[in-house]
Amino acid sequence: MSSRTLLSLCRPAIHSSRRFMATEATQLSSSSTFEPVRSSVQPRKGKKPILNTAIILNRSPLITRTPTTFERAYYAYQARLRRALSNPFPYEFYFKQGSILETRFEMEEQKRERRAFGPTFGKPKEDDDKEKAAANRAAALQLAEQEGEFEEMMPRSHSSDEAKDYKSLDRRGKRNLYLLLKDANDFWRFPQGGIQKGELLHQAAQRDMYDECGKHMDAWIVSRNPIGHYRPPVTLSPEGTPLPEQVTFFFKAHILQGQCRPSENMKDFAWLTKQEIESYVDKHYWDGIKDVLSDN
C-alpha cells in the first residue's frame, strides 16, 4: 500500500476527531461558567506611612590627619629611595658661585639629606672654616627672614578643642563633623521635617533644614536621591491602637559657610563626630544612621 493511499484513508478520521473536539469545547464553554475563587478573609488595608525628610549636614575635614607610625616609616623609606636614585641637582647652573642663594640652597639640601638618611649624614668636616660657615649661615638666615619664611604655622589643634566647644565649626579639624539638633522633647536628631503637597523629597529636605537651622548658612545638597532611611519603632495611641508608621529619608549636604542658628522649637545644637553622635542619640536611632556616617 502506497503512502498516498494510506493518507487518503486517514483523512476522514482526522477531520471527524477535529469536529468532535470543537463540539466538546463549544458545549463546555456554553454550559460552564468559570468564577474566580474568592477567599473569605480579605486583606486588611493598613494606613499609609507618614513620610519625613532629614538632612545629614556635614563639615568636611579642614586639615589632613596625622599619619600613623607605619605611614611615616613608609614615606621616609620612599624619600630615601627617591634621593638615592635621582640625579644630582646642577645648582651651579642655577646659582652664581659663592652667592648667598647658593649657600642657602646647599644648607637646605643638607637638611633634606639628613632628614632622609639620618642626622649624621653629610656632616661638615672638622677642618672646614668654622667662621666662614657661621657667616654663610647668618647670611642665609637673614635672607630667609627678609622673604618671610619663618612665619609660624597654624597649630593642628584649635582652641575650641581645648575648650570643648561643640558649637564651633573649627573643632576636630581632622574629622568629619555632623550637625545634630536637640528638639523640644530633649531628643537629639538630624534636622528633619514633613513633606508638603506637591513637594519633592529633596526640596522638602532643604526647606526643613533652613526652617530648623536658620538662613544664616550656605549649604549644598549633594544629590536628589536619599542615601538611607530610618523607621522608628511602632508607637501606640492612648486607645492602644498602633499609630501610622513613619519613614524618614536622609539626604546628605555640605556646609560651605555660615553657622547654624536653630529655630525657637530647638533647644540646642552641636557639631559632632560619628563616635560622639553615638552617645547623644537613642540606641534605635543610632542603629539606623550609623552606616551612612563616615568613620574619619
C-alpha atoms as a PDB file:
ATOM      1  CA  MET A   1       0.000   0.000   0.000  1.00  0.00           C
ATOM      2  CA  SER A   2       1.413   3.334  -1.032  1.00  0.00           C
ATOM      3  CA  SER A   3       1.783   6.369   1.272  1.00  0.00           C
ATOM      4  CA  ARG A   4      -0.796   8.338  -0.700  1.00  0.00           C
ATOM      5  CA  THR A   5      -3.410   5.598  -0.269  1.00  0.00           C
ATOM      6  CA  LEU A   6      -2.710   5.452   3.497  1.00  0.00           C
ATOM      7  CA  LEU A   7      -3.039   9.224   3.823  1.00  0.00           C
ATOM      8  CA  SER A   8      -6.367   9.240   1.944  1.00  0.00           C
ATOM      9  CA  LEU A   9      -7.747   6.604   4.304  1.00  0.00           C
ATOM     10  CA  CYS A  10      -6.708   8.522   7.456  1.00  0.00           C
ATOM     11  CA  ARG A  11      -8.112  11.934   6.428  1.00  0.00           C
ATOM     12  CA  PRO A  12     -11.765  11.183   7.344  1.00  0.00           C
ATOM     13  CA  ALA A  13     -10.742  10.052  10.807  1.00  0.00           C
ATOM     14  CA  ILE A  14      -8.668  13.218  11.381  1.00  0.00           C
ATOM     15  CA  HIS A  15     -11.488  15.507  10.289  1.00  0.00           C
ATOM     16  CA  SER A  16     -14.016  13.688  12.463  1.00  0.00           C
ATOM     17  CA  SER A  17     -11.765  13.942  15.532  1.00  0.00           C
ATOM     18  CA  ARG A  18     -11.332  17.691  14.975  1.00  0.00           C
ATOM     19  CA  ARG A  19     -15.099  18.180  14.700  1.00  0.00           C
ATOM     20  CA  PHE A  20     -15.602  16.180  17.885  1.00  0.00           C
ATOM     21  CA  MET A  21     -13.086  18.264  19.855  1.00  0.00           C
ATOM     22  CA  ALA A  22     -14.591  21.512  18.574  1.00  0.00           C
ATOM     23  CA  THR A  23     -18.091  20.359  19.539  1.00  0.00           C
ATOM     24  CA  GLU A  24     -16.943  19.378  23.033  1.00  0.00           C
ATOM     25  CA  ALA A  25     -15.197  22.713  23.541  1.00  0.00           C
ATOM     26  CA  THR A  26     -18.299  24.616  22.367  1.00  0.00           C
ATOM     27  CA  GLN A  27     -20.585  22.702  24.678  1.00  0.00           C
ATOM     28  CA  LEU A  28     -18.233  23.141  27.603  1.00  0.00           C
ATOM     29  CA  SER A  29     -17.951  26.896  27.092  1.00  0.00           C
ATOM     30  CA  SER A  30     -21.711  27.310  26.739  1.00  0.00           C
ATOM     31  CA  SER A  31     -22.691  25.133  29.666  1.00  0.00           C
ATOM     32  CA  SER A  32     -19.961  26.012  32.179  1.00  0.00           C
ATOM     33  CA  THR A  33     -19.406  29.345  33.913  1.00  0.00           C
ATOM     34  CA  PHE A  34     -15.982  29.944  35.474  1.00  0.00           C
ATOM     35  CA  GLU A  35     -15.936  32.169  38.548  1.00  0.00           C
ATOM     36  CA  PRO A  36     -12.767  33.261  40.371  1.00  0.00           C
ATOM     37  CA  VAL A  37     -12.190  31.714  43.768  1.00  0.00           C
ATOM     38  CA  ARG A  38     -12.648  34.387  46.399  1.00  0.00           C
ATOM     39  CA  SER A  39     -11.219  33.993  49.832  1.00  0.00           C
ATOM     40  CA  SER A  40     -13.495  34.670  52.750  1.00  0.00           C
ATOM     41  CA  VAL A  41     -10.666  36.530  54.530  1.00  0.00           C
ATOM     42  CA  GLN A  42      -9.989  39.895  52.873  1.00  0.00           C
ATOM     43  CA  PRO A  43      -6.578  41.588  53.389  1.00  0.00           C
ATOM     44  CA  ARG A  44      -6.758  44.438  55.797  1.00  0.00           C
ATOM     45  CA  LYS A  45      -5.738  47.747  54.336  1.00  0.00           C
ATOM     46  CA  GLY A  46      -3.188  49.482  56.571  1.00  0.00           C
ATOM     47  CA  LYS A  47      -2.725  53.182  56.998  1.00  0.00           C
ATOM     48  CA  LYS A  48      -0.321  54.972  54.734  1.00  0.00           C
ATOM     49  CA  PRO A  49       3.065  55.720  56.339  1.00  0.00           C
ATOM     50  CA  ILE A  50       3.958  59.302  57.172  1.00  0.00           C
ATOM     51  CA  LEU A  51       6.963  60.424  55.131  1.00  0.00           C
ATOM     52  CA  ASN A  52       9.623  62.745  56.531  1.00  0.00           C
ATOM     53  CA  THR A  53      12.950  64.034  55.252  1.00  0.00           C
ATOM     54  CA  ALA A  54      16.165  64.698  57.166  1.00  0.00           C
ATOM     55  CA  ILE A  55      19.477  66.352  56.303  1.00  0.00           C
ATOM     56  CA  ILE A  56      22.858  64.906  57.282  1.00  0.00           C
ATOM     57  CA  LEU A  57      24.750  68.203  57.230  1.00  0.00           C
ATOM     58  CA  ASN A  58      28.484  67.562  57.014  1.00  0.00           C
ATOM     59  CA  ARG A  59      31.523  69.735  57.593  1.00  0.00           C
ATOM     60  CA  SER A  60      34.430  68.144  55.754  1.00  0.00           C
ATOM     61  CA  PRO A  61      37.918  67.876  57.343  1.00  0.00           C
ATOM     62  CA  LEU A  62      39.942  71.090  57.343  1.00  0.00           C
ATOM     63  CA  ILE A  63      43.414  69.544  57.597  1.00  0.00           C
ATOM     64  CA  THR A  64      44.954  66.213  56.788  1.00  0.00           C
ATOM     65  CA  ARG A  65      45.002  63.633  59.526  1.00  0.00           C
ATOM     66  CA  THR A  66      48.204  62.781  61.394  1.00  0.00           C
ATOM     67  CA  PRO A  67      49.953  59.831  59.693  1.00  0.00           C
ATOM     68  CA  THR A  68      50.461  56.644  61.654  1.00  0.00           C
ATOM     69  CA  THR A  69      53.873  55.261  62.602  1.00  0.00           C
ATOM     70  CA  PHE A  70      53.782  52.817  59.702  1.00  0.00           C
ATOM     71  CA  GLU A  71      52.843  55.584  57.244  1.00  0.00           C
ATOM     72  CA  ARG A  72      55.670  57.825  58.457  1.00  0.00           C
ATOM     73  CA  ALA A  73      58.158  54.966  58.062  1.00  0.00           C
ATOM     74  CA  TYR A  74      56.837  54.216  54.571  1.00  0.00           C
ATOM     75  CA  TYR A  75      57.089  57.858  53.446  1.00  0.00           C
ATOM     76  CA  ALA A  76      60.622  58.139  54.858  1.00  0.00           C
ATOM     77  CA  TYR A  77      61.676  54.983  53.019  1.00  0.00           C
ATOM     78  CA  GLN A  78      60.236  56.273  49.746  1.00  0.00           C
ATOM     79  CA  ALA A  79      62.040  59.610  50.247  1.00  0.00           C
ATOM     80  CA  ARG A  80      65.370  57.799  50.692  1.00  0.00           C
ATOM     81  CA  LEU A  81      64.765  55.800  47.527  1.00  0.00           C
ATOM     82  CA  ARG A  82      63.954  58.897  45.517  1.00  0.00           C
ATOM     83  CA  ARG A  83      67.024  60.753  46.717  1.00  0.00           C
ATOM     84  CA  ALA A  84      69.304  57.753  46.156  1.00  0.00           C
ATOM     85  CA  LEU A  85      68.074  57.174  42.586  1.00  0.00           C
ATOM     86  CA  SER A  86      67.723  60.793  41.472  1.00  0.00           C
ATOM     87  CA  ASN A  87      70.409  62.648  39.551  1.00  0.00           C
ATOM     88  CA  PRO A  88      72.373  65.358  41.380  1.00  0.00           C
ATOM     89  CA  PHE A  89      70.815  68.778  41.057  1.00  0.00           C
ATOM     90  CA  PRO A  90      73.046  71.080  38.932  1.00  0.00           C
ATOM     91  CA  TYR A  91      72.848  74.007  41.319  1.00  0.00           C
ATOM     92  CA  GLU A  92      75.999  75.573  39.824  1.00  0.00           C
ATOM     93  CA  PHE A  93      73.911  76.156  36.674  1.00  0.00           C
ATOM     94  CA  TYR A  94      71.135  77.956  38.543  1.00  0.00           C
ATOM     95  CA  PHE A  95      73.101  79.838  41.204  1.00  0.00           C
ATOM     96  CA  LYS A  96      76.090  82.144  40.966  1.00  0.00           C
ATOM     97  CA  GLN A  97      79.151  80.598  42.563  1.00  0.00           C
ATOM     98  CA  GLY A  98      79.798  81.964  46.040  1.00  0.00           C
ATOM     99  CA  SER A  99      76.460  83.776  46.248  1.00  0.00           C
ATOM    100  CA  ILE A 100      74.139  83.745  49.255  1.00  0.00           C
ATOM    101  CA  LEU A 101      71.490  81.859  47.271  1.00  0.00           C
ATOM    102  CA  GLU A 102      73.967  79.085  46.533  1.00  0.00           C
ATOM    103  CA  THR A 103      74.949  78.857  50.178  1.00  0.00           C
ATOM    104  CA  ARG A 104      71.342  78.811  51.241  1.00  0.00           C
ATOM    105  CA  PHE A 105      70.475  76.043  48.777  1.00  0.00           C
ATOM    106  CA  GLU A 106      73.413  73.923  49.988  1.00  0.00           C
ATOM    107  CA  MET A 107      72.260  74.318  53.599  1.00  0.00           C
ATOM    108  CA  GLU A 108      68.683  73.359  52.743  1.00  0.00           C
ATOM    109  CA  GLU A 109      69.864  70.406  50.685  1.00  0.00           C
ATOM    110  CA  GLN A 110      71.989  69.226  53.590  1.00  0.00           C
ATOM    111  CA  LYS A 111      68.923  69.346  55.859  1.00  0.00           C
ATOM    112  CA  ARG A 112      66.915  67.304  53.385  1.00  0.00           C
ATOM    113  CA  GLU A 113      69.713  64.730  53.151  1.00  0.00           C
ATOM    114  CA  ARG A 114      69.894  64.407  56.938  1.00  0.00           C
ATOM    115  CA  ARG A 115      66.126  64.114  57.170  1.00  0.00           C
ATOM    116  CA  ALA A 116      66.222  61.243  54.680  1.00  0.00           C
ATOM    117  CA  PHE A 117      69.408  59.378  55.682  1.00  0.00           C
ATOM    118  CA  GLY A 118      69.988  60.345  59.301  1.00  0.00           C
ATOM    119  CA  PRO A 119      71.296  63.247  61.396  1.00  0.00           C
ATOM    120  CA  THR A 120      74.976  62.370  60.800  1.00  0.00           C
ATOM    121  CA  PHE A 121      74.722  62.231  57.009  1.00  0.00           C
ATOM    122  CA  GLY A 122      76.715  64.935  55.229  1.00  0.00           C
ATOM    123  CA  LYS A 123      78.163  66.352  58.438  1.00  0.00           C
ATOM    124  CA  PRO A 124      80.817  69.020  57.668  1.00  0.00           C
ATOM    125  CA  LYS A 125      84.437  68.100  58.289  1.00  0.00           C
ATOM    126  CA  GLU A 126      86.295  69.394  61.315  1.00  0.00           C
ATOM    127  CA  ASP A 127      88.958  71.160  59.186  1.00  0.00           C
ATOM    128  CA  ASP A 128      86.350  73.345  57.459  1.00  0.00           C
ATOM    129  CA  ASP A 129      86.447  77.062  58.098  1.00  0.00           C
ATOM    130  CA  LYS A 130      84.028  77.454  61.001  1.00  0.00           C
ATOM    131  CA  GLU A 131      83.957  81.232  60.789  1.00  0.00           C
ATOM    132  CA  LYS A 132      83.069  81.142  57.119  1.00  0.00           C
ATOM    133  CA  ALA A 133      80.373  78.532  57.730  1.00  0.00           C
ATOM    134  CA  ALA A 134      78.876  80.655  60.514  1.00  0.00           C
ATOM    135  CA  ALA A 135      78.896  83.747  58.289  1.00  0.00           C
ATOM    136  CA  ASN A 136      77.192  81.839  55.499  1.00  0.00           C
ATOM    137  CA  ARG A 137      74.510  80.552  57.861  1.00  0.00           C
ATOM    138  CA  ALA A 138      73.874  84.043  59.205  1.00  0.00           C
ATOM    139  CA  ALA A 139      73.553  85.474  55.691  1.00  0.00           C
ATOM    140  CA  ALA A 140      71.192  82.684  54.611  1.00  0.00           C
ATOM    141  CA  LEU A 141      69.044  83.161  57.723  1.00  0.00           C
ATOM    142  CA  GLN A 142      68.870  86.898  57.126  1.00  0.00           C
ATOM    143  CA  LEU A 143      67.749  86.308  53.547  1.00  0.00           C
ATOM    144  CA  ALA A 144      65.081  83.858  54.690  1.00  0.00           C
ATOM    145  CA  GLU A 145      63.773  86.348  57.264  1.00  0.00           C
ATOM    146  CA  GLN A 146      63.516  89.041  54.619  1.00  0.00           C
ATOM    147  CA  GLU A 147      61.401  86.726  52.475  1.00  0.00           C
ATOM    148  CA  GLY A 148      59.158  85.845  55.427  1.00  0.00           C
ATOM    149  CA  GLU A 149      59.926  82.137  55.561  1.00  0.00           C
ATOM    150  CA  PHE A 150      59.966  81.913  59.347  1.00  0.00           C
ATOM    151  CA  GLU A 151      56.317  82.697  59.895  1.00  0.00           C
ATOM    152  CA  GLU A 152      54.707  80.382  62.433  1.00  0.00           C
ATOM    153  CA  MET A 153      52.255  77.890  61.021  1.00  0.00           C
ATOM    154  CA  MET A 154      48.807  77.432  62.476  1.00  0.00           C
ATOM    155  CA  PRO A 155      48.587  74.694  65.119  1.00  0.00           C
ATOM    156  CA  ARG A 156      46.856  71.455  64.213  1.00  0.00           C
ATOM    157  CA  SER A 157      44.656  71.648  67.304  1.00  0.00           C
ATOM    158  CA  HIS A 158      42.180  74.514  67.669  1.00  0.00           C
ATOM    159  CA  SER A 159      41.303  76.365  70.847  1.00  0.00           C
ATOM    160  CA  SER A 160      37.732  75.064  70.568  1.00  0.00           C
ATOM    161  CA  ASP A 161      39.074  71.545  71.127  1.00  0.00           C
ATOM    162  CA  GLU A 162      40.640  72.575  74.430  1.00  0.00           C
ATOM    163  CA  ALA A 163      37.504  74.489  75.457  1.00  0.00           C
ATOM    164  CA  LYS A 164      35.239  71.604  74.297  1.00  0.00           C
ATOM    165  CA  ASP A 165      33.112  73.993  72.306  1.00  0.00           C
ATOM    166  CA  TYR A 166      30.785  71.646  70.430  1.00  0.00           C
ATOM    167  CA  LYS A 167      29.138  74.540  68.588  1.00  0.00           C
ATOM    168  CA  SER A 168      32.342  75.573  66.810  1.00  0.00           C
ATOM    169  CA  LEU A 169      32.960  74.571  63.210  1.00  0.00           C
ATOM    170  CA  ASP A 170      36.716  74.785  63.820  1.00  0.00           C
ATOM    171  CA  ARG A 171      36.884  71.850  66.228  1.00  0.00           C
ATOM    172  CA  ARG A 172      38.225  68.468  65.199  1.00  0.00           C
ATOM    173  CA  GLY A 173      39.797  69.770  62.004  1.00  0.00           C
ATOM    174  CA  LYS A 174      40.966  66.285  61.003  1.00  0.00           C
ATOM    175  CA  ARG A 175      37.499  64.713  61.232  1.00  0.00           C
ATOM    176  CA  ASN A 176      34.086  64.925  59.598  1.00  0.00           C
ATOM    177  CA  LEU A 177      31.529  66.798  61.712  1.00  0.00           C
ATOM    178  CA  TYR A 178      27.747  66.402  61.571  1.00  0.00           C
ATOM    179  CA  LEU A 179      25.057  68.785  62.801  1.00  0.00           C
ATOM    180  CA  LEU A 180      22.657  67.480  65.439  1.00  0.00           C
ATOM    181  CA  LEU A 181      19.690  69.342  66.922  1.00  0.00           C
ATOM    182  CA  LYS A 182      18.001  68.903  70.289  1.00  0.00           C
ATOM    183  CA  ASP A 183      14.233  69.202  69.916  1.00  0.00           C
ATOM    184  CA  ALA A 184      11.568  70.126  72.450  1.00  0.00           C
ATOM    185  CA  ASN A 185      11.400  66.507  73.680  1.00  0.00           C
ATOM    186  CA  ASP A 186      15.144  66.511  74.518  1.00  0.00           C
ATOM    187  CA  PHE A 187      15.747  64.142  71.611  1.00  0.00           C
ATOM    188  CA  TRP A 188      18.933  64.619  69.594  1.00  0.00           C
ATOM    189  CA  ARG A 189      18.459  64.097  65.869  1.00  0.00           C
ATOM    190  CA  PHE A 190      19.355  65.437  62.447  1.00  0.00           C
ATOM    191  CA  PRO A 191      17.404  68.406  61.023  1.00  0.00           C
ATOM    192  CA  GLN A 192      14.160  66.978  59.682  1.00  0.00           C
ATOM    193  CA  GLY A 193      10.553  67.786  58.863  1.00  0.00           C
ATOM    194  CA  GLY A 194       7.465  66.794  56.907  1.00  0.00           C
ATOM    195  CA  ILE A 195       6.580  66.981  53.227  1.00  0.00           C
ATOM    196  CA  GLN A 196       4.073  69.420  51.790  1.00  0.00           C
ATOM    197  CA  LYS A 197       1.665  68.579  48.980  1.00  0.00           C
ATOM    198  CA  GLY A 198       3.307  68.563  45.556  1.00  0.00           C
ATOM    199  CA  GLU A 199       6.798  68.836  47.044  1.00  0.00           C
ATOM    200  CA  LEU A 200       9.717  66.616  46.042  1.00  0.00           C
ATOM    201  CA  LEU A 201      11.728  64.851  48.717  1.00  0.00           C
ATOM    202  CA  HIS A 202      14.945  66.806  48.215  1.00  0.00           C
ATOM    203  CA  GLN A 203      13.009  70.084  48.119  1.00  0.00           C
ATOM    204  CA  ALA A 204      11.298  69.240  51.393  1.00  0.00           C
ATOM    205  CA  ALA A 205      14.661  68.298  52.931  1.00  0.00           C
ATOM    206  CA  GLN A 206      16.197  71.646  52.002  1.00  0.00           C
ATOM    207  CA  ARG A 207      13.190  73.613  53.228  1.00  0.00           C
ATOM    208  CA  ASP A 208      13.091  71.747  56.543  1.00  0.00           C
ATOM    209  CA  MET A 209      16.827  72.280  57.024  1.00  0.00           C
ATOM    210  CA  TYR A 210      16.528  76.053  56.728  1.00  0.00           C
ATOM    211  CA  ASP A 211      13.360  76.082  58.840  1.00  0.00           C
ATOM    212  CA  GLU A 212      15.139  74.418  61.752  1.00  0.00           C
ATOM    213  CA  CYS A 213      18.708  75.689  61.245  1.00  0.00           C
ATOM    214  CA  GLY A 214      18.076  79.242  60.047  1.00  0.00           C
ATOM    215  CA  LYS A 215      19.005  81.108  56.888  1.00  0.00           C
ATOM    216  CA  HIS A 216      22.479  82.175  58.077  1.00  0.00           C
ATOM    217  CA  MET A 217      24.417  79.395  56.381  1.00  0.00           C
ATOM    218  CA  ASP A 218      25.155  78.244  52.862  1.00  0.00           C
ATOM    219  CA  ALA A 219      24.631  74.509  52.419  1.00  0.00           C
ATOM    220  CA  TRP A 220      24.739  72.324  49.333  1.00  0.00           C
ATOM    221  CA  ILE A 221      22.694  69.122  48.967  1.00  0.00           C
ATOM    222  CA  VAL A 222      24.851  66.506  47.284  1.00  0.00           C
ATOM    223  CA  SER A 223      22.144  64.576  45.429  1.00  0.00           C
ATOM    224  CA  ARG A 224      18.406  64.436  44.871  1.00  0.00           C
ATOM    225  CA  ASN A 225      18.446  60.779  45.861  1.00  0.00           C
ATOM    226  CA  PRO A 226      18.346  59.797  49.552  1.00  0.00           C
ATOM    227  CA  ILE A 227      21.310  57.932  50.995  1.00  0.00           C
ATOM    228  CA  GLY A 228      19.286  55.990  53.560  1.00  0.00           C
ATOM    229  CA  HIS A 229      16.074  55.813  55.546  1.00  0.00           C
ATOM    230  CA  TYR A 230      15.000  55.236  59.128  1.00  0.00           C
ATOM    231  CA  ARG A 231      11.872  53.582  60.562  1.00  0.00           C
ATOM    232  CA  PRO A 232      11.259  54.368  64.237  1.00  0.00           C
ATOM    233  CA  PRO A 233       9.595  51.791  66.487  1.00  0.00           C
ATOM    234  CA  VAL A 234       5.816  51.477  66.220  1.00  0.00           C
ATOM    235  CA  THR A 235       4.015  53.615  68.797  1.00  0.00           C
ATOM    236  CA  LEU A 236       0.512  53.158  70.196  1.00  0.00           C
ATOM    237  CA  SER A 237      -2.239  55.688  70.650  1.00  0.00           C
ATOM    238  CA  PRO A 238      -3.900  56.253  74.072  1.00  0.00           C
ATOM    239  CA  GLU A 239      -6.589  53.809  72.946  1.00  0.00           C
ATOM    240  CA  GLY A 240      -3.963  51.121  72.304  1.00  0.00           C
ATOM    241  CA  THR A 241      -4.179  51.080  68.511  1.00  0.00           C
ATOM    242  CA  PRO A 242      -0.926  51.373  66.503  1.00  0.00           C
ATOM    243  CA  LEU A 243      -0.245  54.766  65.009  1.00  0.00           C
ATOM    244  CA  PRO A 244       0.716  55.146  61.323  1.00  0.00           C
ATOM    245  CA  GLU A 245       4.269  54.160  60.502  1.00  0.00           C
ATOM    246  CA  GLN A 246       6.785  56.957  59.968  1.00  0.00           C
ATOM    247  CA  VAL A 247       9.615  56.741  57.440  1.00  0.00           C
ATOM    248  CA  THR A 248      12.438  59.309  57.346  1.00  0.00           C
ATOM    249  CA  PHE A 249      14.593  59.653  54.225  1.00  0.00           C
ATOM    250  CA  PHE A 250      18.111  61.041  54.726  1.00  0.00           C
ATOM    251  CA  PHE A 251      19.814  63.419  52.302  1.00  0.00           C
ATOM    252  CA  LYS A 252      23.476  64.384  52.520  1.00  0.00           C
ATOM    253  CA  ALA A 253      24.593  68.026  52.416  1.00  0.00           C
ATOM    254  CA  HIS A 254      27.798  70.025  52.963  1.00  0.00           C
ATOM    255  CA  ILE A 255      28.038  73.347  54.743  1.00  0.00           C
ATOM    256  CA  LEU A 256      30.106  75.873  52.806  1.00  0.00           C
ATOM    257  CA  GLN A 257      29.966  78.905  55.082  1.00  0.00           C
ATOM    258  CA  GLY A 258      27.941  80.424  57.887  1.00  0.00           C
ATOM    259  CA  GLN A 259      26.692  78.812  61.070  1.00  0.00           C
ATOM    260  CA  CYS A 260      23.575  77.114  62.373  1.00  0.00           C
ATOM    261  CA  ARG A 261      21.080  79.321  64.207  1.00  0.00           C
ATOM    262  CA  PRO A 262      18.348  76.934  65.325  1.00  0.00           C
ATOM    263  CA  SER A 263      14.709  77.963  65.464  1.00  0.00           C
ATOM    264  CA  GLU A 264      12.781  78.579  68.653  1.00  0.00           C
ATOM    265  CA  ASN A 265      11.497  74.997  68.667  1.00  0.00           C
ATOM    266  CA  MET A 266      15.040  73.670  69.035  1.00  0.00           C
ATOM    267  CA  LYS A 267      16.772  73.722  72.412  1.00  0.00           C
ATOM    268  CA  ASP A 268      20.376  73.207  71.334  1.00  0.00           C
ATOM    269  CA  PHE A 269      22.703  72.126  68.539  1.00  0.00           C
ATOM    270  CA  ALA A 270      26.163  70.558  68.262  1.00  0.00           C
ATOM    271  CA  TRP A 271      28.751  69.645  65.626  1.00  0.00           C
ATOM    272  CA  LEU A 272      29.836  66.092  66.431  1.00  0.00           C
ATOM    273  CA  THR A 273      31.940  63.289  65.006  1.00  0.00           C
ATOM    274  CA  LYS A 274      30.461  59.876  64.305  1.00  0.00           C
ATOM    275  CA  GLN A 275      31.771  58.410  67.551  1.00  0.00           C
ATOM    276  CA  GLU A 276      30.397  61.347  69.560  1.00  0.00           C
ATOM    277  CA  ILE A 277      26.949  61.020  67.969  1.00  0.00           C
ATOM    278  CA  GLU A 278      26.514  57.529  69.415  1.00  0.00           C
ATOM    279  CA  SER A 279      26.484  58.880  72.977  1.00  0.00           C
ATOM    280  CA  TYR A 280      23.914  61.585  72.123  1.00  0.00           C
ATOM    281  CA  VAL A 281      21.186  59.767  70.200  1.00  0.00           C
ATOM    282  CA  ASP A 282      18.850  56.904  71.052  1.00  0.00           C
ATOM    283  CA  LYS A 283      20.072  53.327  70.544  1.00  0.00           C
ATOM    284  CA  HIS A 284      17.451  52.530  67.896  1.00  0.00           C
ATOM    285  CA  TYR A 285      18.154  55.795  66.080  1.00  0.00           C
ATOM    286  CA  TRP A 286      21.898  55.096  66.141  1.00  0.00           C
ATOM    287  CA  ASP A 287      21.443  51.640  64.616  1.00  0.00           C
ATOM    288  CA  GLY A 288      19.529  53.237  61.754  1.00  0.00           C
ATOM    289  CA  ILE A 289      22.019  56.012  60.920  1.00  0.00           C
ATOM    290  CA  LYS A 290      25.481  54.687  61.770  1.00  0.00           C
ATOM    291  CA  ASP A 291      26.058  53.115  58.353  1.00  0.00           C
ATOM    292  CA  VAL A 292      25.592  56.416  56.461  1.00  0.00           C
ATOM    293  CA  LEU A 293      28.226  58.296  58.511  1.00  0.00           C
ATOM    294  CA  SER A 294      31.951  58.426  57.840  1.00  0.00           C
ATOM    295  CA  ASP A 295      34.358  56.998  60.420  1.00  0.00           C
ATOM    296  CA  ASN A 296      37.015  59.680  59.799  1.00  0.00           C
END
